[in-house]
PDB file of N, CA and C in Angstrom:
ATOM      1  N   MET A   1      57.329  11.255 278.760  1.00  0.00           N
ATOM      2  CA  MET A   1      56.731  11.988 277.669  1.00  0.00           C
ATOM      3  C   MET A   1      57.683  11.908 276.480  1.00  0.00           C
ATOM      4  N   PRO A   2      57.193  11.514 275.318  1.00  0.00           N
ATOM      5  CA  PRO A   2      58.064  11.465 274.144  1.00  0.00           C
ATOM      6  C   PRO A   2      58.325  12.860 273.587  1.00  0.00           C
ATOM      7  N   VAL A   3      59.580  13.112 273.242  1.00  0.00           N
ATOM      8  CA  VAL A   3      59.980  14.385 272.647  1.00  0.00           C
ATOM      9  C   VAL A   3      60.682  14.078 271.333  1.00  0.00           C
ATOM     10  N   THR A   4      60.163  14.636 270.249  1.00  0.00           N
ATOM     11  CA  THR A   4      60.734  14.395 268.921  1.00  0.00           C
ATOM     12  C   THR A   4      61.393  15.666 268.412  1.00  0.00           C
ATOM     13  N   ASN A   5      62.626  15.522 267.935  1.00  0.00           N
ATOM     14  CA  ASN A   5      63.339  16.634 267.321  1.00  0.00           C
ATOM     15  C   ASN A   5      63.044  16.589 265.828  1.00  0.00           C
ATOM     16  N   THR A   6      62.207  17.517 265.371  1.00  0.00           N
ATOM     17  CA  THR A   6      61.828  17.545 263.955  1.00  0.00           C
ATOM     18  C   THR A   6      62.752  18.427 263.123  1.00  0.00           C
ATOM     19  N   GLY A   7      63.744  19.022 263.775  1.00  0.00           N
ATOM     20  CA  GLY A   7      64.663  19.901 263.064  1.00  0.00           C
ATOM     21  C   GLY A   7      65.873  19.173 262.533  1.00  0.00           C
ATOM     22  N   ASP A   8      66.824  19.954 262.017  1.00  0.00           N
ATOM     23  CA  ASP A   8      68.050  19.355 261.496  1.00  0.00           C
ATOM     24  C   ASP A   8      69.254  19.673 262.381  1.00  0.00           C
ATOM     25  N   ARG A   9      68.995  20.219 263.569  1.00  0.00           N
ATOM     26  CA  ARG A   9      70.053  20.499 264.544  1.00  0.00           C
ATOM     27  C   ARG A   9      69.667  19.910 265.901  1.00  0.00           C
ATOM     28  N   VAL A  10      70.660  19.702 266.743  1.00  0.00           N
ATOM     29  CA  VAL A  10      70.382  19.237 268.101  1.00  0.00           C
ATOM     30  C   VAL A  10      69.568  20.308 268.816  1.00  0.00           C
ATOM     31  N   GLY A  11      68.563  19.886 269.515  1.00  0.00           N
ATOM     32  CA  GLY A  11      67.722  20.814 270.272  1.00  0.00           C
ATOM     33  C   GLY A  11      67.278  20.157 271.559  1.00  0.00           C
ATOM     34  N   GLY A  12      66.745  20.943 272.451  1.00  0.00           N
ATOM     35  CA  GLY A  12      66.322  20.399 273.732  1.00  0.00           C
ATOM     36  C   GLY A  12      64.925  20.841 274.101  1.00  0.00           C
ATOM     37  N   GLU A  13      64.344  20.094 275.017  1.00  0.00           N
ATOM     38  CA  GLU A  13      63.027  20.400 275.564  1.00  0.00           C
ATOM     39  C   GLU A  13      63.047  19.985 277.026  1.00  0.00           C
ATOM     40  N   VAL A  14      62.206  20.617 277.826  1.00  0.00           N
ATOM     41  CA  VAL A  14      62.143  20.302 279.252  1.00  0.00           C
ATOM     42  C   VAL A  14      60.702  19.931 279.604  1.00  0.00           C
ATOM     43  N   PRO A  15      60.320  18.661 279.428  1.00  0.00           N
ATOM     44  CA  PRO A  15      58.997  18.241 279.867  1.00  0.00           C
ATOM     45  C   PRO A  15      58.859  18.424 281.380  1.00  0.00           C
ATOM     46  N   GLN A  16      57.654  18.811 281.793  1.00  0.00           N
ATOM     47  CA  GLN A  16      57.400  19.148 283.194  1.00  0.00           C
ATOM     48  C   GLN A  16      56.149  18.435 283.684  1.00  0.00           C
ATOM     49  N   VAL A  17      56.113  18.156 284.987  1.00  0.00           N
ATOM     50  CA  VAL A  17      54.950  17.545 285.620  1.00  0.00           C
ATOM     51  C   VAL A  17      54.450  18.491 286.703  1.00  0.00           C
ATOM     52  N   TYR A  18      53.158  18.798 286.630  1.00  0.00           N
ATOM     53  CA  TYR A  18      52.507  19.646 287.627  1.00  0.00           C
ATOM     54  C   TYR A  18      51.452  18.823 288.350  1.00  0.00           C
ATOM     55  N   ALA A  19      51.281  19.061 289.641  1.00  0.00           N
ATOM     56  CA  ALA A  19      50.262  18.372 290.434  1.00  0.00           C
ATOM     57  C   ALA A  19      49.241  19.389 290.915  1.00  0.00           C
ATOM     58  N   ASP A  20      47.963  19.028 290.812  1.00  0.00           N
ATOM     59  CA  ASP A  20      46.887  19.823 291.394  1.00  0.00           C
ATOM     60  C   ASP A  20      46.611  19.267 292.786  1.00  0.00           C
ATOM     61  N   LEU A  21      46.964  20.050 293.810  1.00  0.00           N
ATOM     62  CA  LEU A  21      46.779  19.621 295.193  1.00  0.00           C
ATOM     63  C   LEU A  21      45.598  20.366 295.805  1.00  0.00           C
ATOM     64  N   PRO A  22      44.662  19.646 296.441  1.00  0.00           N
ATOM     65  CA  PRO A  22      43.548  20.330 297.093  1.00  0.00           C
ATOM     66  C   PRO A  22      44.028  21.096 298.317  1.00  0.00           C
ATOM     67  N   PHE A  23      43.605  22.353 298.427  1.00  0.00           N
ATOM     68  CA  PHE A  23      44.066  23.200 299.533  1.00  0.00           C
ATOM     69  C   PHE A  23      42.962  24.200 299.879  1.00  0.00           C
ATOM     70  N   ASP A  24      42.381  24.077 301.055  1.00  0.00           N
ATOM     71  CA  ASP A  24      41.321  24.982 301.508  1.00  0.00           C
ATOM     72  C   ASP A  24      40.208  25.148 300.473  1.00  0.00           C
ATOM     73  N   GLY A  25      39.756  24.043 299.895  1.00  0.00           N
ATOM     74  CA  GLY A  25      38.669  24.096 298.934  1.00  0.00           C
ATOM     75  C   GLY A  25      39.069  24.561 297.546  1.00  0.00           C
ATOM     76  N   GLN A  26      40.352  24.812 297.325  1.00  0.00           N
ATOM     77  CA  GLN A  26      40.853  25.236 296.020  1.00  0.00           C
ATOM     78  C   GLN A  26      41.909  24.239 295.560  1.00  0.00           C
ATOM     79  N   LEU A  27      42.356  24.400 294.330  1.00  0.00           N
ATOM     80  CA  LEU A  27      43.449  23.574 293.833  1.00  0.00           C
ATOM     81  C   LEU A  27      44.715  24.409 293.735  1.00  0.00           C
ATOM     82  N   LEU A  28      45.772  23.892 294.294  1.00  0.00           N
ATOM     83  CA  LEU A  28      47.084  24.527 294.228  1.00  0.00           C
ATOM     84  C   LEU A  28      47.890  23.744 293.205  1.00  0.00           C
ATOM     85  N   ARG A  29      48.275  24.373 292.113  1.00  0.00           N
ATOM     86  CA  ARG A  29      49.069  23.698 291.081  1.00  0.00           C
ATOM     87  C   ARG A  29      50.551  23.914 291.381  1.00  0.00           C
ATOM     88  N   ARG A  30      51.289  22.797 291.447  1.00  0.00           N
ATOM     89  CA  ARG A  30      52.710  22.869 291.808  1.00  0.00           C
ATOM     90  C   ARG A  30      53.546  22.058 290.831  1.00  0.00           C
ATOM     91  N   LEU A  31      54.676  22.633 290.430  1.00  0.00           N
ATOM     92  CA  LEU A  31      55.658  21.905 289.629  1.00  0.00           C
ATOM     93  C   LEU A  31      56.306  20.865 290.540  1.00  0.00           C
ATOM     94  N   VAL A  32      56.205  19.582 290.145  1.00  0.00           N
ATOM     95  CA  VAL A  32      56.740  18.514 290.990  1.00  0.00           C
ATOM     96  C   VAL A  32      57.863  17.721 290.327  1.00  0.00           C
ATOM     97  N   GLY A  33      58.133  17.977 289.058  1.00  0.00           N
ATOM     98  CA  GLY A  33      59.220  17.268 288.404  1.00  0.00           C
ATOM     99  C   GLY A  33      59.452  17.766 286.988  1.00  0.00           C
ATOM    100  N   PHE A  34      60.674  17.597 286.519  1.00  0.00           N
ATOM    101  CA  PHE A  34      61.022  17.976 285.147  1.00  0.00           C
ATOM    102  C   PHE A  34      62.298  17.251 284.750  1.00  0.00           C
ATOM    103  N   ARG A  35      62.535  17.183 283.459  1.00  0.00           N
ATOM    104  CA  ARG A  35      63.757  16.561 282.948  1.00  0.00           C
ATOM    105  C   ARG A  35      64.069  17.137 281.575  1.00  0.00           C
ATOM    106  N   ARG A  36      65.288  17.541 281.375  1.00  0.00           N
ATOM    107  CA  ARG A  36      65.720  18.047 280.065  1.00  0.00           C
ATOM    108  C   ARG A  36      66.139  16.874 279.196  1.00  0.00           C
ATOM    109  N   VAL A  37      65.668  16.883 277.951  1.00  0.00           N
ATOM    110  CA  VAL A  37      66.075  15.872 276.973  1.00  0.00           C
ATOM    111  C   VAL A  37      66.564  16.589 275.723  1.00  0.00           C
ATOM    112  N   GLU A  38      67.521  15.976 275.028  1.00  0.00           N
ATOM    113  CA  GLU A  38      68.101  16.560 273.820  1.00  0.00           C
ATOM    114  C   GLU A  38      68.204  15.493 272.738  1.00  0.00           C
ATOM    115  N   PRO A  39      67.076  15.164 272.114  1.00  0.00           N
ATOM    116  CA  PRO A  39      67.141  14.152 271.052  1.00  0.00           C
ATOM    117  C   PRO A  39      67.907  14.672 269.837  1.00  0.00           C
ATOM    118  N   ALA A  40      68.582  13.764 269.161  1.00  0.00           N
ATOM    119  CA  ALA A  40      69.302  14.108 267.923  1.00  0.00           C
ATOM    120  C   ALA A  40      68.278  14.460 266.847  1.00  0.00           C
ATOM    121  N   PRO A  41      68.693  15.174 265.811  1.00  0.00           N
ATOM    122  CA  PRO A  41      67.772  15.508 264.720  1.00  0.00           C
ATOM    123  C   PRO A  41      67.064  14.261 264.177  1.00  0.00           C
ATOM    124  N   GLY A  42      65.744  14.352 264.064  1.00  0.00           N
ATOM    125  CA  GLY A  42      64.950  13.246 263.549  1.00  0.00           C
ATOM    126  C   GLY A  42      64.675  12.138 264.555  1.00  0.00           C
ATOM    127  N   GLU A  43      65.199  12.244 265.756  1.00  0.00           N
ATOM    128  CA  GLU A  43      65.034  11.201 266.772  1.00  0.00           C
ATOM    129  C   GLU A  43      63.964  11.583 267.794  1.00  0.00           C
ATOM    130  N   THR A  44      63.455  10.564 268.484  1.00  0.00           N
ATOM    131  CA  THR A  44      62.512  10.748 269.590  1.00  0.00           C
ATOM    132  C   THR A  44      63.149  10.185 270.853  1.00  0.00           C
ATOM    133  N   GLU A  45      63.059  10.936 271.920  1.00  0.00           N
ATOM    134  CA  GLU A  45      63.563  10.491 273.218  1.00  0.00           C
ATOM    135  C   GLU A  45      62.419  10.581 274.214  1.00  0.00           C
ATOM    136  N   VAL A  46      62.302   9.574 275.058  1.00  0.00           N
ATOM    137  CA  VAL A  46      61.258   9.574 276.075  1.00  0.00           C
ATOM    138  C   VAL A  46      61.837  10.149 277.360  1.00  0.00           C
ATOM    139  N   ALA A  47      61.190  11.204 277.860  1.00  0.00           N
ATOM    140  CA  ALA A  47      61.608  11.805 279.126  1.00  0.00           C
ATOM    141  C   ALA A  47      60.908  11.072 280.259  1.00  0.00           C
ATOM    142  N   VAL A  48      61.679  10.387 281.089  1.00  0.00           N
ATOM    143  CA  VAL A  48      61.138   9.701 282.252  1.00  0.00           C
ATOM    144  C   VAL A  48      61.373  10.614 283.448  1.00  0.00           C
ATOM    145  N   ILE A  49      60.281  11.000 284.104  1.00  0.00           N
ATOM    146  CA  ILE A  49      60.359  11.957 285.208  1.00  0.00           C
ATOM    147  C   ILE A  49      59.884  11.257 286.469  1.00  0.00           C
ATOM    148  N   GLY A  50      60.813  10.951 287.350  1.00  0.00           N
ATOM    149  CA  GLY A  50      60.466  10.309 288.620  1.00  0.00           C
ATOM    150  C   GLY A  50      60.072  11.340 289.658  1.00  0.00           C
ATOM    151  N   ILE A  51      59.049  11.015 290.434  1.00  0.00           N
ATOM    152  CA  ILE A  51      58.603  11.900 291.517  1.00  0.00           C
ATOM    153  C   ILE A  51      58.472  11.044 292.767  1.00  0.00           C
ATOM    154  N   ASP A  52      59.222  11.394 293.784  1.00  0.00           N
ATOM    155  CA  ASP A  52      59.221  10.651 295.038  1.00  0.00           C
ATOM    156  C   ASP A  52      58.532  11.509 296.096  1.00  0.00           C
ATOM    157  N   ALA A  53      57.420  11.030 296.632  1.00  0.00           N
ATOM    158  CA  ALA A  53      56.663  11.795 297.635  1.00  0.00           C
ATOM    159  C   ALA A  53      57.490  12.077 298.881  1.00  0.00           C
ATOM    160  N   ASP A  54      58.573  11.334 299.101  1.00  0.00           N
ATOM    161  CA  ASP A  54      59.403  11.537 300.284  1.00  0.00           C
ATOM    162  C   ASP A  54      60.576  12.494 300.063  1.00  0.00           C
ATOM    163  N   TRP A  55      60.682  13.078 298.867  1.00  0.00           N
ATOM    164  CA  TRP A  55      61.758  14.041 298.632  1.00  0.00           C
ATOM    165  C   TRP A  55      61.668  15.188 299.630  1.00  0.00           C
ATOM    166  N   PRO A  56      62.785  15.804 299.980  1.00  0.00           N
ATOM    167  CA  PRO A  56      62.783  16.908 300.945  1.00  0.00           C
ATOM    168  C   PRO A  56      61.966  18.134 300.504  1.00  0.00           C
ATOM    169  N   ASN A  57      61.690  18.275 299.199  1.00  0.00           N
ATOM    170  CA  ASN A  57      60.912  19.441 298.760  1.00  0.00           C
ATOM    171  C   ASN A  57      59.404  19.205 298.870  1.00  0.00           C
ATOM    172  N   HIS A  58      58.988  18.048 299.415  1.00  0.00           N
ATOM    173  CA  HIS A  58      57.577  17.754 299.683  1.00  0.00           C
ATOM    174  C   HIS A  58      56.683  17.967 298.460  1.00  0.00           C
ATOM    175  N   PRO A  59      56.901  17.243 297.361  1.00  0.00           N
ATOM    176  CA  PRO A  59      56.165  17.520 296.123  1.00  0.00           C
ATOM    177  C   PRO A  59      54.650  17.392 296.241  1.00  0.00           C
ATOM    178  N   PHE A  60      54.165  16.508 297.107  1.00  0.00           N
ATOM    179  CA  PHE A  60      52.725  16.314 297.221  1.00  0.00           C
ATOM    180  C   PHE A  60      52.171  16.789 298.564  1.00  0.00           C
ATOM    181  N   SER A  61      52.918  17.578 299.276  1.00  0.00           N
ATOM    182  CA  SER A  61      52.489  18.032 300.595  1.00  0.00           C
ATOM    183  C   SER A  61      52.208  19.525 300.607  1.00  0.00           C
ATOM    184  N   ILE A  62      51.419  19.913 301.585  1.00  0.00           N
ATOM    185  CA  ILE A  62      51.067  21.319 301.787  1.00  0.00           C
ATOM    186  C   ILE A  62      51.390  21.663 303.233  1.00  0.00           C
ATOM    187  N   TRP A  63      51.929  22.849 303.448  1.00  0.00           N
ATOM    188  CA  TRP A  63      52.260  23.273 304.808  1.00  0.00           C
ATOM    189  C   TRP A  63      50.969  23.545 305.572  1.00  0.00           C
ATOM    190  N   ASP A  64      50.806  22.848 306.697  1.00  0.00           N
ATOM    191  CA  ASP A  64      49.642  23.032 307.563  1.00  0.00           C
ATOM    192  C   ASP A  64      50.049  23.952 308.706  1.00  0.00           C
ATOM    193  N   GLU A  65      49.536  25.177 308.669  1.00  0.00           N
ATOM    194  CA  GLU A  65      49.912  26.190 309.661  1.00  0.00           C
ATOM    195  C   GLU A  65      49.560  25.738 311.071  1.00  0.00           C
ATOM    196  N   GLU A  66      48.386  25.138 311.214  1.00  0.00           N
ATOM    197  CA  GLU A  66      47.946  24.707 312.538  1.00  0.00           C
ATOM    198  C   GLU A  66      48.822  23.590 313.091  1.00  0.00           C
ATOM    199  N   ALA A  67      49.135  22.613 312.249  1.00  0.00           N
ATOM    200  CA  ALA A  67      49.958  21.481 312.680  1.00  0.00           C
ATOM    201  C   ALA A  67      51.442  21.825 312.683  1.00  0.00           C
ATOM    202  N   GLN A  68      51.805  22.932 312.002  1.00  0.00           N
ATOM    203  CA  GLN A  68      53.212  23.313 311.862  1.00  0.00           C
ATOM    204  C   GLN A  68      54.030  22.168 311.266  1.00  0.00           C
ATOM    205  N   ASP A  69      53.452  21.586 310.185  1.00  0.00           N
ATOM    206  CA  ASP A  69      54.106  20.450 309.551  1.00  0.00           C
ATOM    207  C   ASP A  69      53.585  20.314 308.112  1.00  0.00           C
ATOM    208  N   TRP A  70      54.330  19.569 307.307  1.00  0.00           N
ATOM    209  CA  TRP A  70      53.895  19.253 305.951  1.00  0.00           C
ATOM    210  C   TRP A  70      52.900  18.114 306.037  1.00  0.00           C
ATOM    211  N   VAL A  71      51.766  18.220 305.338  1.00  0.00           N
ATOM    212  CA  VAL A  71      50.776  17.149 305.310  1.00  0.00           C
ATOM    213  C   VAL A  71      50.409  16.842 303.863  1.00  0.00           C
ATOM    214  N   GLU A  72      50.171  15.565 303.602  1.00  0.00           N
ATOM    215  CA  GLU A  72      49.726  15.150 302.271  1.00  0.00           C
ATOM    216  C   GLU A  72      48.208  15.115 302.256  1.00  0.00           C
ATOM    217  N   PRO A  73      47.604  15.766 301.280  1.00  0.00           N
ATOM    218  CA  PRO A  73      46.149  15.664 301.163  1.00  0.00           C
ATOM    219  C   PRO A  73      45.768  14.235 300.809  1.00  0.00           C
ATOM    220  N   GLU A  74      44.602  13.808 301.260  1.00  0.00           N
ATOM    221  CA  GLU A  74      44.136  12.469 300.940  1.00  0.00           C
ATOM    222  C   GLU A  74      43.292  12.502 299.676  1.00  0.00           C
ATOM    223  N   GLY A  75      43.314  11.411 298.948  1.00  0.00           N
ATOM    224  CA  GLY A  75      42.471  11.310 297.773  1.00  0.00           C
ATOM    225  C   GLY A  75      43.252  11.397 296.482  1.00  0.00           C
ATOM    226  N   ASP A  76      42.546  11.791 295.431  1.00  0.00           N
ATOM    227  CA  ASP A  76      43.125  11.830 294.100  1.00  0.00           C
ATOM    228  C   ASP A  76      43.876  13.124 293.837  1.00  0.00           C
ATOM    229  N   ILE A  77      45.016  12.996 293.172  1.00  0.00           N
ATOM    230  CA  ILE A  77      45.819  14.129 292.737  1.00  0.00           C
ATOM    231  C   ILE A  77      45.888  14.051 291.210  1.00  0.00           C
ATOM    232  N   THR A  78      45.608  15.158 290.550  1.00  0.00           N
ATOM    233  CA  THR A  78      45.710  15.200 289.102  1.00  0.00           C
ATOM    234  C   THR A  78      47.102  15.676 288.707  1.00  0.00           C
ATOM    235  N   LEU A  79      47.745  14.920 287.830  1.00  0.00           N
ATOM    236  CA  LEU A  79      49.057  15.290 287.306  1.00  0.00           C
ATOM    237  C   LEU A  79      48.892  15.752 285.868  1.00  0.00           C
ATOM    238  N   HIS A  80      49.569  16.832 285.528  1.00  0.00           N
ATOM    239  CA  HIS A  80      49.565  17.367 284.166  1.00  0.00           C
ATOM    240  C   HIS A  80      50.995  17.302 283.647  1.00  0.00           C
ATOM    241  N   ILE A  81      51.175  16.772 282.450  1.00  0.00           N
ATOM    242  CA  ILE A  81      52.503  16.627 281.866  1.00  0.00           C
ATOM    243  C   ILE A  81      52.525  17.393 280.548  1.00  0.00           C
ATOM    244  N   GLY A  82      53.535  18.233 280.384  1.00  0.00           N
ATOM    245  CA  GLY A  82      53.634  19.012 279.160  1.00  0.00           C
ATOM    246  C   GLY A  82      54.950  19.747 279.073  1.00  0.00           C
ATOM    247  N   THR A  83      54.974  20.750 278.222  1.00  0.00           N
ATOM    248  CA  THR A  83      56.208  21.502 278.003  1.00  0.00           C
ATOM    249  C   THR A  83      56.236  22.821 278.759  1.00  0.00           C
ATOM    250  N   SER A  84      55.124  23.186 279.384  1.00  0.00           N
ATOM    251  CA  SER A  84      55.069  24.386 280.225  1.00  0.00           C
ATOM    252  C   SER A  84      53.805  24.321 281.059  1.00  0.00           C
ATOM    253  N   ALA A  85      53.628  25.287 281.938  1.00  0.00           N
ATOM    254  CA  ALA A  85      52.437  25.330 282.786  1.00  0.00           C
ATOM    255  C   ALA A  85      51.180  25.637 281.985  1.00  0.00           C
ATOM    256  N   GLU A  86      51.353  26.019 280.731  1.00  0.00           N
ATOM    257  CA  GLU A  86      50.196  26.353 279.897  1.00  0.00           C
ATOM    258  C   GLU A  86      50.060  25.433 278.681  1.00  0.00           C
ATOM    259  N   ASP A  87      50.883  24.390 278.609  1.00  0.00           N
ATOM    260  CA  ASP A  87      50.850  23.494 277.460  1.00  0.00           C
ATOM    261  C   ASP A  87      50.921  22.047 277.936  1.00  0.00           C
ATOM    262  N   PHE A  88      49.782  21.527 278.389  1.00  0.00           N
ATOM    263  CA  PHE A  88      49.738  20.150 278.873  1.00  0.00           C
ATOM    264  C   PHE A  88      49.369  19.209 277.740  1.00  0.00           C
ATOM    265  N   ARG A  89      50.127  18.135 277.621  1.00  0.00           N
ATOM    266  CA  ARG A  89      49.877  17.134 276.581  1.00  0.00           C
ATOM    267  C   ARG A  89      49.185  15.899 277.149  1.00  0.00           C
ATOM    268  N   TYR A  90      49.414  15.630 278.449  1.00  0.00           N
ATOM    269  CA  TYR A  90      48.872  14.441 279.081  1.00  0.00           C
ATOM    270  C   TYR A  90      48.359  14.800 280.471  1.00  0.00           C
ATOM    271  N   THR A  91      47.355  14.054 280.926  1.00  0.00           N
ATOM    272  CA  THR A  91      46.825  14.220 282.275  1.00  0.00           C
ATOM    273  C   THR A  91      46.606  12.826 282.851  1.00  0.00           C
ATOM    274  N   ALA A  92      46.923  12.682 284.125  1.00  0.00           N
ATOM    275  CA  ALA A  92      46.726  11.404 284.813  1.00  0.00           C
ATOM    276  C   ALA A  92      46.265  11.697 286.230  1.00  0.00           C
ATOM    277  N   THR A  93      45.598  10.740 286.822  1.00  0.00           N
ATOM    278  CA  THR A  93      45.156  10.867 288.204  1.00  0.00           C
ATOM    279  C   THR A  93      45.817   9.780 289.028  1.00  0.00           C
ATOM    280  N   VAL A  94      46.335  10.162 290.191  1.00  0.00           N
ATOM    281  CA  VAL A  94      46.941   9.204 291.119  1.00  0.00           C
ATOM    282  C   VAL A  94      46.280   9.376 292.476  1.00  0.00           C
ATOM    283  N   ARG A  95      46.242   8.310 293.226  1.00  0.00           N
ATOM    284  CA  ARG A  95      45.681   8.361 294.582  1.00  0.00           C
ATOM    285  C   ARG A  95      46.806   8.308 295.588  1.00  0.00           C
ATOM    286  N   LEU A  96      46.797   9.268 296.508  1.00  0.00           N
ATOM    287  CA  LEU A  96      47.817   9.274 297.567  1.00  0.00           C
ATOM    288  C   LEU A  96      47.328   8.481 298.751  1.00  0.00           C
TER     289      LEU A  96
END
């Protein structure tokens, strides 16, 4: 996500990625990645946020009580990218 510093001082922003995971007929929105960037005044910096489905925090998995294990839902997952959980600038769909 590109972040532009329009001010005259160094500033920072923390772009975030949220995933909508299907869970019991509902969508569970989870923060799955973020990165702090600090572009210089007047500069734009692209925040590259990597998300690895195999990370120990299970970014795309849901705890299955019956199986007593983390399981990945099948199908499409919607990713929202923005500056907070209420300010999405981009949306993408990925298939797990």
